[in-house]
N, C-alpha and C. Protein backbone atom coordinates (compact mmCIF):
# COMPACT_ATOMS: atom_id res chain seq x y z
N UNK A 1 1.09 -1.31 0.02
CA UNK A 1 0.03 0.00 0.01
C UNK A 1 0.88 1.13 0.00
N UNK A 2 0.62 2.25 -1.25
CA UNK A 2 1.46 3.35 -0.96
C UNK A 2 0.91 4.11 -0.16
N UNK A 3 2.22 4.85 0.42
CA UNK A 3 1.86 5.90 1.64
C UNK A 3 1.19 7.34 0.99
N UNK A 4 0.25 7.86 2.04
CA UNK A 4 -0.08 9.49 1.09
C UNK A 4 0.32 10.17 0.86
N UNK A 5 2.04 10.01 1.49
CA UNK A 5 3.09 10.91 1.10
C UNK A 5 3.81 10.59 -0.23
N UNK A 6 3.35 9.84 -0.63
CA UNK A 6 4.81 9.06 -1.32
C UNK A 6 4.58 9.94 -2.83
N UNK A 7 3.72 11.06 -3.08
CA UNK A 7 3.73 11.67 -4.18
C UNK A 7 4.79 13.48 -4.05
N UNK A 8 5.13 13.42 -2.62
CA UNK A 8 5.59 14.75 -2.25
C UNK A 8 6.42 15.02 -2.98
N UNK A 9 7.40 14.12 -3.33
CA UNK A 9 8.94 14.47 -4.09
C UNK A 9 8.34 15.17 -5.49
N UNK A 10 7.19 14.78 -6.44
CA UNK A 10 6.93 14.72 -7.67
C UNK A 10 5.87 16.22 -7.46
N UNK A 11 5.54 16.31 -6.38
CA UNK A 11 4.88 17.82 -6.11
C UNK A 11 5.27 18.92 -5.44
N UNK A 12 7.12 18.34 -5.08
CA UNK A 12 7.68 19.58 -4.62
C UNK A 12 8.39 20.06 -5.88
N UNK A 13 8.77 19.11 -6.72
CA UNK A 13 9.59 19.38 -7.97
C UNK A 13 8.81 19.93 -9.13
N UNK A 14 7.31 20.34 -8.88
CA UNK A 14 6.80 20.90 -9.74
C UNK A 14 6.47 22.37 -9.04
N UNK A 15 6.19 22.15 -7.61
CA UNK A 15 5.92 23.14 -7.23
C UNK A 15 7.70 24.67 -7.47
N UNK A 16 8.59 23.83 -7.20
CA UNK A 16 9.42 24.62 -6.74
C UNK A 16 9.94 24.95 -8.50
N UNK A 17 9.67 24.12 -9.36
CA UNK A 17 9.66 24.67 -10.53
C UNK A 17 9.30 25.56 -11.29
N UNK A 18 7.70 25.67 -10.45
CA UNK A 18 7.00 27.06 -11.15
C UNK A 18 7.63 28.15 -10.36
N UNK A 19 8.14 28.20 -9.17
CA UNK A 19 8.46 29.19 -8.71
C UNK A 19 9.68 29.73 -9.14
N UNK A 20 10.38 28.98 -9.58
CA UNK A 20 12.05 29.16 -10.27
C UNK A 20 11.21 30.06 -11.64
N UNK A 21 10.46 29.76 -12.32
CA UNK A 21 10.48 30.33 -13.18
C UNK A 21 9.42 31.35 -12.98
N UNK A 22 8.69 31.91 -11.95
CA UNK A 22 8.14 33.01 -11.61
C UNK A 22 9.69 33.77 -11.03
N UNK A 23 10.41 33.33 -10.73
CA UNK A 23 11.37 33.99 -9.77
C UNK A 23 12.47 34.74 -11.09
N UNK A 24 12.42 33.92 -11.97
CA UNK A 24 13.22 34.45 -13.30
C UNK A 24 12.48 35.28 -14.07
N UNK A 25 11.36 35.34 -14.21
CA UNK A 25 10.62 36.23 -15.01
C UNK A 25 10.60 38.10 -13.92
N UNK A 26 10.44 37.59 -12.64
CA UNK A 26 10.25 38.95 -11.85
C UNK A 26 11.87 39.18 -11.86
N UNK A 27 12.58 38.73 -11.91
CA UNK A 27 14.18 39.37 -11.68
C UNK A 27 14.66 40.38 -13.47
N UNK A 28 13.88 39.44 -14.24
CA UNK A 28 14.27 40.48 -15.49
C UNK A 28 12.89 41.53 -15.66
N UNK A 29 11.63 41.15 -14.97
CA UNK A 29 10.81 42.24 -14.76
C UNK A 29 11.63 43.91 -13.69
N UNK A 30 11.87 43.38 -12.81
CA UNK A 30 12.44 44.18 -12.16
C UNK A 30 13.78 45.03 -12.82
N UNK A 31 14.45 44.04 -13.69
CA UNK A 31 15.82 45.07 -14.27
C UNK A 31 15.04 45.80 -15.23
N UNK A 32 14.25 45.30 -16.15
CA UNK A 32 13.68 45.95 -17.17
C UNK A 32 13.10 47.91 -16.50
N UNK A 33 12.06 47.31 -15.06
CA UNK A 33 11.65 48.64 -14.47
C UNK A 33 12.58 49.20 -14.19
N UNK A 34 13.45 48.73 -13.56
CA UNK A 34 14.77 49.91 -13.40
C UNK A 34 15.27 50.82 -14.52
N UNK A 35 15.44 49.93 -15.27
CA UNK A 35 16.41 50.78 -16.91
C UNK A 35 15.00 51.62 -16.93
N UNK A 36 13.72 51.27 -17.54
CA UNK A 36 12.58 52.18 -17.92
C UNK A 36 12.35 53.68 -17.48
N UNK A 37 12.58 53.40 -15.84
CA UNK A 37 12.52 54.28 -15.01
C UNK A 37 13.61 55.61 -15.02
N UNK A 38 15.03 54.94 -15.55
CA UNK A 38 16.08 55.62 -15.64
C UNK A 38 16.11 56.36 -17.05
N UNK A 39 15.47 55.85 -18.01
CA UNK A 39 15.71 56.41 -19.56
C UNK A 39 14.32 57.21 -19.26
N UNK A 40 13.48 57.11 -18.29
CA UNK A 40 12.39 58.51 -18.15
C UNK A 40 12.79 59.54 -17.29
N UNK A 41 13.32 59.12 -16.31
CA UNK A 41 13.84 60.23 -15.69
C UNK A 41 15.17 61.22 -16.61
N UNK A 42 15.89 60.48 -17.52
CA UNK A 42 16.94 61.48 -17.85
C UNK A 42 16.37 62.25 -19.84
N UNK A 43 15.24 61.64 -19.83
CA UNK A 43 14.27 62.17 -20.61
C UNK A 43 13.57 63.59 -20.20
N UNK A 44 12.91 63.43 -18.75
CA UNK A 44 12.22 64.33 -18.25
C UNK A 44 13.93 65.47 -18.39
N UNK A 45 14.69 65.41 -17.83
CA UNK A 45 15.56 66.38 -17.80
C UNK A 45 15.82 67.18 -18.61
N UNK A 46 16.08 66.00 -20.13
CA UNK A 46 16.54 66.66 -21.41
C UNK A 46 15.20 67.76 -22.20
N UNK A 47 14.02 67.41 -21.47
CA UNK A 47 13.01 68.01 -21.88
C UNK A 47 12.98 69.39 -21.23
N UNK A 48 13.53 69.43 -19.83
CA UNK A 48 13.86 71.00 -19.31
C UNK A 48 14.97 71.51 -19.76
N UNK A 49 15.71 70.72 -20.84
CA UNK A 49 16.89 71.71 -21.19
C UNK A 49 16.98 72.28 -22.39
N UNK A 50 15.78 71.57 -22.95
CA UNK A 50 15.17 71.91 -24.61
C UNK A 50 15.55 70.97 -25.60
N UNK A 51 16.42 69.95 -25.02
CA UNK A 51 16.96 68.83 -25.73
C UNK A 51 15.69 67.78 -26.39
N UNK A 52 14.98 68.24 -27.14
CA UNK A 52 13.89 67.34 -27.42
C UNK A 52 14.12 65.89 -27.99
N UNK A 53 14.92 66.03 -28.78
CA UNK A 53 15.01 65.10 -29.82
C UNK A 53 16.04 63.98 -29.14
N UNK A 54 16.92 64.23 -28.19
CA UNK A 54 17.47 63.19 -27.17
C UNK A 54 16.55 62.94 -26.23
N UNK A 55 15.06 63.38 -26.15
CA UNK A 55 14.46 63.10 -25.00
C UNK A 55 13.43 62.05 -25.72
N UNK A 56 13.02 62.31 -26.52
CA UNK A 56 12.34 61.16 -27.94
C UNK A 56 13.19 60.19 -27.59
N UNK A 57 14.56 60.27 -28.14
CA UNK A 57 15.36 58.88 -28.04
C UNK A 57 15.08 58.46 -26.56
N UNK A 58 15.41 59.00 -25.46
CA UNK A 58 15.50 57.97 -24.07
C UNK A 58 14.06 57.24 -24.11
N UNK A 59 13.03 58.29 -24.28
CA UNK A 59 11.68 57.77 -24.30
C UNK A 59 11.68 56.83 -24.96
N UNK A 60 11.88 56.21 -25.93
CA UNK A 60 11.66 55.31 -26.87
C UNK A 60 12.49 54.66 -26.14
N UNK A 61 13.61 54.33 -25.80
CA UNK A 61 14.28 53.57 -25.04
C UNK A 61 13.35 52.72 -23.54
N UNK A 62 12.39 53.99 -23.29
CA UNK A 62 12.20 53.39 -22.24
C UNK A 62 10.42 53.07 -22.31
N UNK A 63 10.40 53.10 -23.68
CA UNK A 63 8.95 52.13 -24.15
C UNK A 63 9.38 50.82 -24.45
N UNK A 64 10.50 50.80 -25.09
CA UNK A 64 11.32 49.16 -25.44
C UNK A 64 11.16 48.51 -24.39
N UNK A 65 11.55 49.08 -22.76
CA UNK A 65 11.61 48.46 -21.60
C UNK A 65 10.31 47.73 -21.13
N UNK A 66 9.38 48.69 -21.28
CA UNK A 66 7.70 48.71 -20.71
C UNK A 66 7.30 47.70 -21.87
N UNK A 67 7.74 47.50 -22.93
CA UNK A 67 7.06 46.33 -23.54
C UNK A 67 7.57 45.33 -23.64
N UNK A 68 9.21 45.29 -22.97
CA UNK A 68 9.38 43.65 -22.92
C UNK A 68 9.15 43.36 -21.31
N UNK A 69 8.62 44.46 -20.34
CA UNK A 69 8.35 43.53 -19.78
C UNK A 69 7.25 43.13 -19.17
N UNK A 70 6.31 43.80 -19.98
CA UNK A 70 4.80 43.53 -20.40
C UNK A 70 4.68 42.14 -20.90
N UNK A 71 5.77 41.87 -21.77
CA UNK A 71 5.76 40.40 -22.75
C UNK A 71 6.43 39.53 -21.68
N UNK A 72 7.41 40.06 -20.76
CA UNK A 72 8.24 38.81 -20.20
C UNK A 72 7.02 38.60 -18.87
N UNK A 73 6.32 39.07 -18.61
CA UNK A 73 5.55 39.23 -17.34
C UNK A 73 3.91 38.62 -17.81
N UNK A 74 3.59 38.81 -19.10
CA UNK A 74 2.10 38.22 -19.56
C UNK A 74 1.73 36.68 -19.19
N UNK A 75 2.62 35.77 -18.63
CA UNK A 75 1.73 35.10 -18.08
C UNK A 75 2.05 34.67 -16.93
N UNK A 76 2.80 35.92 -16.01
CA UNK A 76 2.68 35.90 -14.50
C UNK A 76 2.24 36.96 -14.24
N UNK A 77 0.57 36.90 -14.15
CA UNK A 77 -0.25 38.27 -14.02
C UNK A 77 -0.12 38.70 -12.25
N UNK A 78 0.17 37.96 -11.41
CA UNK A 78 0.47 38.04 -9.74
C UNK A 78 1.67 39.06 -9.83
N UNK A 79 2.83 38.76 -10.70
CA UNK A 79 3.72 39.52 -10.91
C UNK A 79 3.58 40.92 -11.52
N UNK A 80 2.98 40.64 -12.48
CA UNK A 80 2.53 41.99 -13.88
C UNK A 80 1.86 43.12 -12.82
N UNK A 81 0.91 42.72 -12.11
CA UNK A 81 0.10 43.59 -11.63
C UNK A 81 1.21 43.79 -10.18
N UNK A 82 2.25 43.72 -10.11
CA UNK A 82 3.23 44.43 -8.35
C UNK A 82 3.43 45.88 -8.56
N UNK A 83 3.97 46.29 -7.90
CA UNK A 83 3.80 47.53 -7.84
C UNK A 83 5.37 48.23 -8.89
N UNK A 84 6.22 47.35 -8.93
CA UNK A 84 7.26 48.10 -10.01
C UNK A 84 6.96 47.85 -11.46
N UNK A 85 6.04 47.61 -11.90
CA UNK A 85 5.33 47.46 -13.49
C UNK A 85 4.47 48.77 -13.34
N UNK A 86 3.92 48.96 -11.78
CA UNK A 86 3.14 50.05 -12.17
C UNK A 86 4.10 51.38 -12.22
N UNK A 87 4.85 51.52 -11.58
CA UNK A 87 5.90 52.52 -11.34
C UNK A 87 6.81 52.70 -12.37
N UNK A 88 7.32 52.07 -12.99
CA UNK A 88 7.95 52.28 -14.68
C UNK A 88 6.71 52.68 -15.94
N UNK A 89 5.42 52.33 -15.72
CA UNK A 89 5.13 52.73 -16.90
C UNK A 89 4.13 54.06 -15.90
N UNK A 90 4.44 54.42 -14.90
CA UNK A 90 4.35 55.64 -14.78
C UNK A 90 4.71 56.75 -14.96
N UNK A 91 6.19 56.39 -14.86
CA UNK A 91 7.62 57.46 -14.84
C UNK A 91 7.57 57.33 -16.42
N UNK A 92 7.10 56.20 -17.25
CA UNK A 92 7.17 56.07 -18.90
C UNK A 92 6.13 57.18 -19.34
N UNK A 93 4.94 57.29 -18.63
CA UNK A 93 3.92 58.38 -18.77
C UNK A 93 4.18 59.66 -18.97
N UNK A 94 5.01 59.91 -17.07
CA UNK A 94 5.40 61.20 -16.88
C UNK A 94 5.94 62.22 -17.85
N UNK A 95 6.95 60.93 -18.56
CA UNK A 95 8.21 61.52 -19.31
C UNK A 95 6.96 61.59 -21.04
N UNK A 96 6.72 61.06 -20.94
CA UNK A 96 5.81 61.25 -22.49
C UNK A 96 4.80 62.83 -22.45
N UNK A 97 4.28 62.89 -21.21
CA UNK A 97 3.20 63.76 -20.82
C UNK A 97 4.02 64.79 -20.89
N UNK A 98 5.03 65.30 -20.16
CA UNK A 98 6.26 66.37 -20.01
C UNK A 98 6.64 66.61 -21.11
N UNK A 99 7.21 65.88 -22.19
CA UNK A 99 7.79 66.38 -22.98
C UNK A 99 6.72 67.17 -24.30
N UNK A 100 5.20 66.28 -23.93
CA UNK A 100 3.98 66.85 -24.67
C UNK A 100 4.09 68.25 -24.26
N UNK A 101 3.45 68.60 -23.09
CA UNK A 101 3.38 69.80 -22.58
C UNK A 101 4.41 70.89 -23.13
N UNK A 102 5.73 70.31 -22.58
CA UNK A 102 6.89 71.60 -22.77
C UNK A 102 6.88 71.81 -24.21
N UNK A 103 6.55 70.91 -25.22
CA UNK A 103 6.82 71.46 -26.52
C UNK A 103 5.94 71.72 -26.99
N UNK A 104 4.63 71.97 -26.73
CA UNK A 104 3.43 72.30 -27.10
C UNK A 104 2.69 71.15 -27.94
N UNK A 105 3.23 70.06 -27.89
CA UNK A 105 2.39 69.29 -28.72
C UNK A 105 1.27 68.29 -27.56
N UNK A 106 0.22 67.45 -28.71
CA UNK A 106 -0.86 66.92 -27.86
C UNK A 106 -0.46 65.81 -26.80
N UNK A 107 -1.10 65.94 -25.56
CA UNK A 107 -1.07 64.93 -25.33
C UNK A 107 -1.44 63.19 -25.38
N UNK A 108 -0.27 62.38 -24.96
CA UNK A 108 -0.71 60.95 -25.86
C UNK A 108 -1.75 60.47 -24.57
N UNK A 109 -2.19 59.19 -25.41
CA UNK A 109 -4.04 58.73 -25.03
C UNK A 109 -2.75 57.42 -24.10
N UNK A 110 -3.75 57.23 -23.34
CA UNK A 110 -3.14 56.21 -22.49
C UNK A 110 -2.64 54.47 -23.21
N UNK A 111 -4.00 54.64 -24.02
CA UNK A 111 -4.05 53.37 -24.73
C UNK A 111 -2.68 53.02 -26.00
N UNK A 112 -2.78 54.42 -26.46
CA UNK A 112 -1.60 54.60 -27.44
C UNK A 112 -0.12 54.28 -26.65
N UNK A 113 -0.12 54.27 -25.52
CA UNK A 113 1.41 54.04 -24.94
C UNK A 113 1.04 52.68 -24.36
N UNK A 114 0.10 52.27 -24.60
CA UNK A 114 -0.05 50.60 -23.97
C UNK A 114 0.20 50.40 -22.56
N UNK A 115 -0.50 51.47 -21.54
CA UNK A 115 0.09 51.33 -20.04
C UNK A 115 -1.45 51.40 -19.16
N UNK A 116 -1.43 50.92 -18.05
CA UNK A 116 -2.77 51.35 -17.62
C UNK A 116 -3.54 52.47 -17.48
N UNK A 117 -4.65 52.67 -17.40
CA UNK A 117 -4.94 54.04 -16.55
C UNK A 117 -4.48 54.57 -15.60
N UNK A 118 -4.33 53.53 -14.47
CA UNK A 118 -4.12 54.10 -13.12
C UNK A 118 -2.46 54.75 -13.13
N UNK A 119 -1.56 54.00 -14.06
CA UNK A 119 0.11 54.72 -14.36
C UNK A 119 -0.28 55.79 -14.94
N UNK A 120 -0.92 55.96 -16.16
CA UNK A 120 -1.54 56.97 -16.66
C UNK A 120 -1.82 58.15 -16.10
N UNK A 121 -2.96 58.19 -15.22
CA UNK A 121 -3.13 59.38 -14.66
C UNK A 121 -2.25 59.60 -13.27
N UNK A 122 -1.43 58.84 -13.15
CA UNK A 122 -0.36 59.11 -11.70
C UNK A 122 0.81 59.85 -12.60
N UNK A 123 1.02 59.30 -13.76
CA UNK A 123 2.08 60.01 -14.32
C UNK A 123 1.61 61.58 -14.83
N UNK A 124 0.26 61.96 -15.42
CA UNK A 124 -0.36 63.11 -15.58
C UNK A 124 -0.38 64.06 -14.19
N UNK A 125 -0.06 63.47 -13.61
CA UNK A 125 -0.09 64.21 -11.67
C UNK A 125 1.70 64.56 -11.70
N UNK A 126 1.96 63.65 -12.01
CA UNK A 126 3.73 63.77 -11.68
C UNK A 126 3.84 64.45 -13.05
N UNK A 127 3.21 65.05 -14.00
CA UNK A 127 3.64 65.73 -15.10
C UNK A 127 3.28 67.17 -14.82
N UNK A 128 2.31 67.58 -14.20
CA UNK A 128 2.10 68.79 -13.62
C UNK A 128 3.00 69.61 -12.58
N UNK A 129 3.67 68.50 -11.71
CA UNK A 129 4.66 69.06 -10.96
C UNK A 129 5.75 69.19 -12.02
N UNK A 130 6.10 68.73 -12.96
CA UNK A 130 7.29 69.06 -13.88
C UNK A 130 6.94 70.26 -14.52
N UNK A 131 5.57 70.52 -14.38
CA UNK A 131 4.99 72.10 -15.27
C UNK A 131 5.26 72.79 -14.55
N UNK A 132 5.59 72.83 -13.06
CA UNK A 132 5.49 73.93 -12.90
C UNK A 132 7.44 74.10 -12.74
N UNK A 133 8.27 73.37 -12.66
CA UNK A 133 9.74 73.44 -13.10
C UNK A 133 9.77 74.58 -14.32
N UNK A 134 8.74 74.20 -15.25
CA UNK A 134 9.14 74.40 -16.54
C UNK A 134 8.72 75.76 -16.18
N UNK A 135 7.66 76.34 -15.55
CA UNK A 135 6.84 77.61 -15.60
C UNK A 135 7.73 78.85 -15.02
N UNK A 136 8.99 78.02 -14.16
CA UNK A 136 9.80 78.85 -13.25
C UNK A 136 10.72 79.27 -13.77
N UNK A 137 10.99 78.41 -14.87
CA UNK A 137 12.18 78.97 -15.67
C UNK A 137 11.90 79.74 -16.73
N UNK A 138 10.62 79.18 -17.55
CA UNK A 138 10.09 80.39 -18.30
C UNK A 138 9.73 81.85 -17.55
N UNK A 139 9.37 81.62 -16.24
CA UNK A 139 9.37 83.38 -15.64
C UNK A 139 10.56 84.05 -15.52
N UNK A 140 11.67 83.17 -15.58
CA UNK A 140 12.55 83.98 -15.28
C UNK A 140 13.25 84.42 -16.56
N UNK A 141 12.94 83.70 -18.03
CA UNK A 141 12.74 84.55 -19.05
C UNK A 141 12.03 85.75 -19.42
N UNK A 142 11.12 86.00 -18.50
CA UNK A 142 10.25 87.07 -18.36
C UNK A 142 8.97 86.91 -19.65
N UNK A 143 8.45 85.62 -19.60
CA UNK A 143 7.99 85.18 -20.47
C UNK A 143 6.66 85.20 -20.26
N UNK A 144 5.71 86.33 -19.36
CA UNK A 144 4.17 86.05 -18.87
C UNK A 144 3.48 85.43 -19.29
N UNK A 145 3.07 85.74 -20.38
CA UNK A 145 1.92 85.67 -21.19
C UNK A 145 1.71 83.66 -21.53
N UNK A 146 3.53 83.27 -21.70
CA UNK A 146 3.45 81.57 -21.50
C UNK A 146 3.20 81.30 -20.07
N UNK A 147 3.58 81.68 -19.32
CA UNK A 147 3.40 81.38 -17.90
C UNK A 147 2.19 81.11 -17.41
N UNK A 148 1.12 82.09 -17.93
CA UNK A 148 0.16 82.08 -17.69
C UNK A 148 -0.71 80.94 -17.97
N UNK A 149 -0.07 80.34 -19.13
CA UNK A 149 -1.06 79.76 -20.05
C UNK A 149 -0.61 78.15 -19.35
N UNK A 150 1.10 77.75 -19.07
CA UNK A 150 1.27 76.47 -18.50
C UNK A 150 0.59 76.40 -16.79
N UNK A 151 0.25 78.04 -16.10
CA UNK A 151 -0.68 77.79 -15.19
C UNK A 151 -1.82 76.90 -15.34
N UNK A 152 -2.39 77.49 -16.34
CA UNK A 152 -3.92 76.84 -17.14
C UNK A 152 -3.64 75.74 -17.37
N UNK A 153 -2.46 75.16 -17.83
CA UNK A 153 -2.68 73.34 -18.23
C UNK A 153 -2.40 72.77 -16.92
N UNK A 154 -1.52 73.65 -15.57
CA UNK A 154 -1.27 72.59 -14.92
C UNK A 154 -3.07 72.70 -13.86
N UNK A 155 -3.87 73.86 -14.01
CA UNK A 155 -5.30 73.75 -13.48
C UNK A 155 -6.46 72.55 -13.95
N UNK A 156 -5.59 72.40 -15.66
CA UNK A 156 -6.71 71.63 -16.28
C UNK A 156 -6.72 70.31 -15.87
N UNK A 157 -5.31 69.92 -15.54
CA UNK A 157 -4.91 68.42 -14.83
C UNK A 157 -5.30 68.20 -13.89
N UNK A 158 -5.36 69.17 -13.03
CA UNK A 158 -5.96 68.80 -11.94
C UNK A 158 -7.39 68.75 -11.74
N UNK A 159 -7.80 69.38 -12.61
CA UNK A 159 -9.62 69.99 -12.57
C UNK A 159 -9.66 68.16 -13.15
N UNK A 160 -9.23 67.42 -13.71
CA UNK A 160 -9.67 66.06 -14.10
C UNK A 160 -9.07 65.32 -13.39
N UNK A 161 -8.25 64.87 -12.82
CA UNK A 161 -7.63 64.33 -11.63
C UNK A 161 -8.63 64.40 -10.35
N UNK A 162 -9.03 65.53 -9.95
CA UNK A 162 -9.80 65.23 -9.02
C UNK A 162 -11.09 64.59 -9.28
N UNK A 163 -11.68 64.55 -10.26
CA UNK A 163 -13.29 64.19 -10.56
C UNK A 163 -12.96 62.39 -10.77
N UNK A 164 -11.54 61.76 -10.38
CA UNK A 164 -11.40 60.42 -10.57
C UNK A 164 -11.39 60.16 -9.16
N UNK A 165 -12.56 59.66 -8.59
CA UNK A 165 -12.87 59.11 -7.31
C UNK A 165 -13.25 57.98 -7.15
N UNK A 166 -12.11 56.93 -7.12
CA UNK A 166 -12.47 55.65 -7.19
C UNK A 166 -11.59 55.35 -5.81
N UNK A 167 -11.74 54.11 -5.38
CA UNK A 167 -10.82 53.62 -4.59
C UNK A 167 -9.38 53.12 -5.06
N UNK A 168 -8.12 53.67 -4.00
CA UNK A 168 -6.66 53.50 -4.35
C UNK A 168 -6.31 52.41 -4.94
N UNK A 169 -7.22 51.73 -4.85
CA UNK A 169 -6.53 49.98 -5.09
C UNK A 169 -6.41 49.82 -6.51
N UNK A 170 -7.63 50.66 -7.11
CA UNK A 170 -7.99 50.75 -8.53
C UNK A 170 -7.24 51.75 -9.29
N UNK A 171 -6.89 52.89 -8.72
CA UNK A 171 -6.49 54.19 -8.90
C UNK A 171 -4.83 54.16 -9.02
N UNK A 172 -4.07 53.11 -8.39
CA UNK A 172 -3.03 53.31 -8.13
C UNK A 172 -2.29 54.42 -7.27
N UNK A 173 -3.13 54.66 -6.14
CA UNK A 173 -2.74 55.58 -5.17
C UNK A 173 -2.55 57.05 -5.72
N UNK A 174 -4.47 57.29 -6.59
CA UNK A 174 -4.17 58.41 -7.13
C UNK A 174 -4.67 59.45 -6.32
N UNK A 175 -4.94 59.57 -5.06
CA UNK A 175 -5.53 60.58 -4.05
C UNK A 175 -4.24 61.55 -3.64
N UNK A 176 -3.38 60.58 -3.48
CA UNK A 176 -2.23 61.06 -2.70
C UNK A 176 -1.43 62.11 -3.82
N UNK A 177 -1.67 61.32 -5.74
CA UNK A 177 -1.34 62.45 -6.45
C UNK A 177 -1.85 63.51 -6.64
N UNK A 178 -2.85 63.51 -6.46
CA UNK A 178 -3.65 64.40 -6.58
C UNK A 178 -3.79 65.46 -5.69
N UNK A 179 -3.36 65.18 -4.09
CA UNK A 179 -3.04 66.14 -3.17
C UNK A 179 -1.44 67.09 -3.79
N UNK A 180 -0.93 65.87 -4.29
CA UNK A 180 0.45 66.82 -4.53
C UNK A 180 0.05 68.04 -5.40
N UNK A 181 -0.57 67.47 -6.46
CA UNK A 181 -0.72 68.49 -7.73
C UNK A 181 -1.54 69.98 -6.92
N UNK A 182 -2.59 69.67 -5.99
CA UNK A 182 -3.10 70.59 -5.66
C UNK A 182 -2.40 71.47 -4.60
N UNK A 183 -1.40 70.88 -4.19
CA UNK A 183 -0.16 71.75 -3.56
C UNK A 183 0.79 72.48 -4.42
N UNK A 184 1.18 71.48 -5.37
CA UNK A 184 1.80 72.11 -6.44
C UNK A 184 1.34 73.51 -7.04
N UNK A 185 0.26 73.14 -7.41
CA UNK A 185 -0.77 74.51 -8.31
C UNK A 185 -0.52 75.73 -7.30
N UNK A 186 -1.29 75.55 -6.02
CA UNK A 186 -1.52 76.34 -5.35
C UNK A 186 0.07 77.46 -4.99
N UNK A 187 0.99 76.31 -4.85
CA UNK A 187 2.47 77.40 -4.56
C UNK A 187 2.89 77.94 -6.10
N UNK A 188 2.71 77.21 -7.02
CA UNK A 188 3.10 77.95 -8.55
C UNK A 188 1.94 79.21 -8.42
N UNK A 189 0.70 78.92 -8.26
CA UNK A 189 -0.12 80.23 -8.59
C UNK A 189 0.55 81.23 -7.29
N UNK A 190 0.62 81.21 -6.75
CA UNK A 190 1.14 82.18 -5.40
C UNK A 190 2.74 83.00 -6.22
N UNK A 191 3.43 81.80 -6.47
CA UNK A 191 4.60 82.51 -7.18
C UNK A 191 4.51 83.18 -7.97
N UNK A 192 3.58 83.22 -9.36
CA UNK A 192 3.32 83.61 -10.29
C UNK A 192 2.58 85.04 -10.15
N UNK A 193 1.64 84.90 -9.08
CA UNK A 193 0.98 86.05 -8.94
C UNK A 193 1.73 87.15 -8.06
N UNK A 194 2.73 87.09 -6.98
CA UNK A 194 3.63 87.46 -6.36
C UNK A 194 4.80 88.17 -7.73
N UNK A 195 5.41 87.46 -8.49
CA UNK A 195 5.92 88.12 -9.44
C UNK A 195 5.74 89.04 -10.07
N UNK A 196 4.46 88.72 -10.64
CA UNK A 196 3.16 90.07 -11.19
C UNK A 196 3.29 91.13 -10.35
N UNK A 197 3.04 90.77 -9.13
CA UNK A 197 2.87 91.98 -8.49
C UNK A 197 4.08 93.04 -8.73
N UNK A 198 5.26 92.24 -8.19
CA UNK A 198 6.70 92.84 -8.10
C UNK A 198 7.09 93.63 -9.85
N UNK A 199 6.63 92.98 -10.55
CA UNK A 199 7.32 93.91 -12.03
C UNK A 199 5.94 95.06 -12.03
N UNK A 200 4.43 94.77 -11.88
CA UNK A 200 3.93 96.08 -11.59
C UNK A 200 4.51 96.98 -11.12
N UNK A 201 4.63 96.89 -9.88
CA UNK A 201 5.51 97.63 -8.66
C UNK A 201 6.68 98.34 -9.62
N UNK A 202 7.55 97.15 -10.32
CA UNK A 202 8.66 98.11 -10.78
C UNK A 202 8.53 99.19 -11.48
N UNK A 203 7.56 98.85 -12.40
CA UNK A 203 6.53 99.36 -13.64
C UNK A 203 6.37 100.54 -13.09
N UNK A 204 5.45 100.95 -12.29
CA UNK A 204 5.47 102.25 -11.47
C UNK A 204 5.81 103.16 -11.00
N UNK A 205 7.10 102.29 -10.43
CA UNK A 205 8.49 103.06 -10.11
C UNK A 205 9.56 103.37 -11.31
N UNK A 206 9.80 102.87 -12.12
CA UNK A 206 10.22 103.09 -13.16
C UNK A 206 9.58 104.48 -13.91
N UNK A 207 8.30 104.09 -14.23
CA UNK A 207 6.95 105.25 -14.65
C UNK A 207 7.32 106.61 -13.73
N UNK A 208 7.56 106.33 -12.19
CA UNK A 208 7.40 107.57 -11.36
C UNK A 208 8.82 108.14 -11.44
N UNK A 209 9.96 107.34 -11.74
CA UNK A 209 11.36 108.16 -11.68
C UNK A 209 11.30 108.45 -12.85
N UNK A 210 10.47 108.34 -13.92
CA UNK A 210 10.74 108.99 -15.30
C UNK A 210 10.12 110.65 -15.42
N UNK A 211 8.89 110.67 -14.37
CA UNK A 211 8.20 111.87 -14.15
C UNK A 211 9.39 112.71 -13.27
N UNK A 212 9.87 112.26 -12.70
CA UNK A 212 10.51 112.98 -11.75
C UNK A 212 11.51 114.01 -12.36
N UNK A 213 12.26 112.96 -13.30
CA UNK A 213 13.10 113.61 -14.01
C UNK A 213 12.66 114.67 -15.09
N UNK A 214 11.94 114.14 -15.59
CA UNK A 214 11.41 115.61 -16.51
C UNK A 214 11.29 116.54 -15.59
N UNK A 215 10.59 116.92 -14.16
CA UNK A 215 10.12 117.69 -13.75
C UNK A 215 11.56 118.34 -13.01
């Protein structure tokens, strides 16, 4: 009579083989995630330097990593829906969105990027944060009209994000991102308003000085 535990060896081998395959896929996915995030971060830096061609090359490299990650983990949904996949997609979305906003191009669609809606929305929020840096750089260049347009774009993004009222488990923690955007928007509006008032005061002082010189 066979013991009830006689199949343990074969079960153990099968289970170990399964987890070994998953572990291997996870390691590949993690590497691709890190590479994608690095490419995206460098792309955003290039955008702020006005090096759009280089930014596009880096974004394409990030895209390739995101696509490879999806293929590698397609048979491992438990791993695919882990945090590192979301983070890579979010950073990739942020890079694409930042490039579009700063260069004046049309926003990319999440389906075109091939990423989850949650990653896209969080990337959109992070992109609004990058717009603050772009606005401050533009403000230093004295392009007031452009600054007001950028602030309007930030406001539009916040107005969308605040309407996405679903559980964080579905949206990838979007509430925190939305709160961040609100804070960045308020600080940026305050900075721009203060700068405009200072410029108006300087203009009036210059005008007054000119009148005094004439008298």
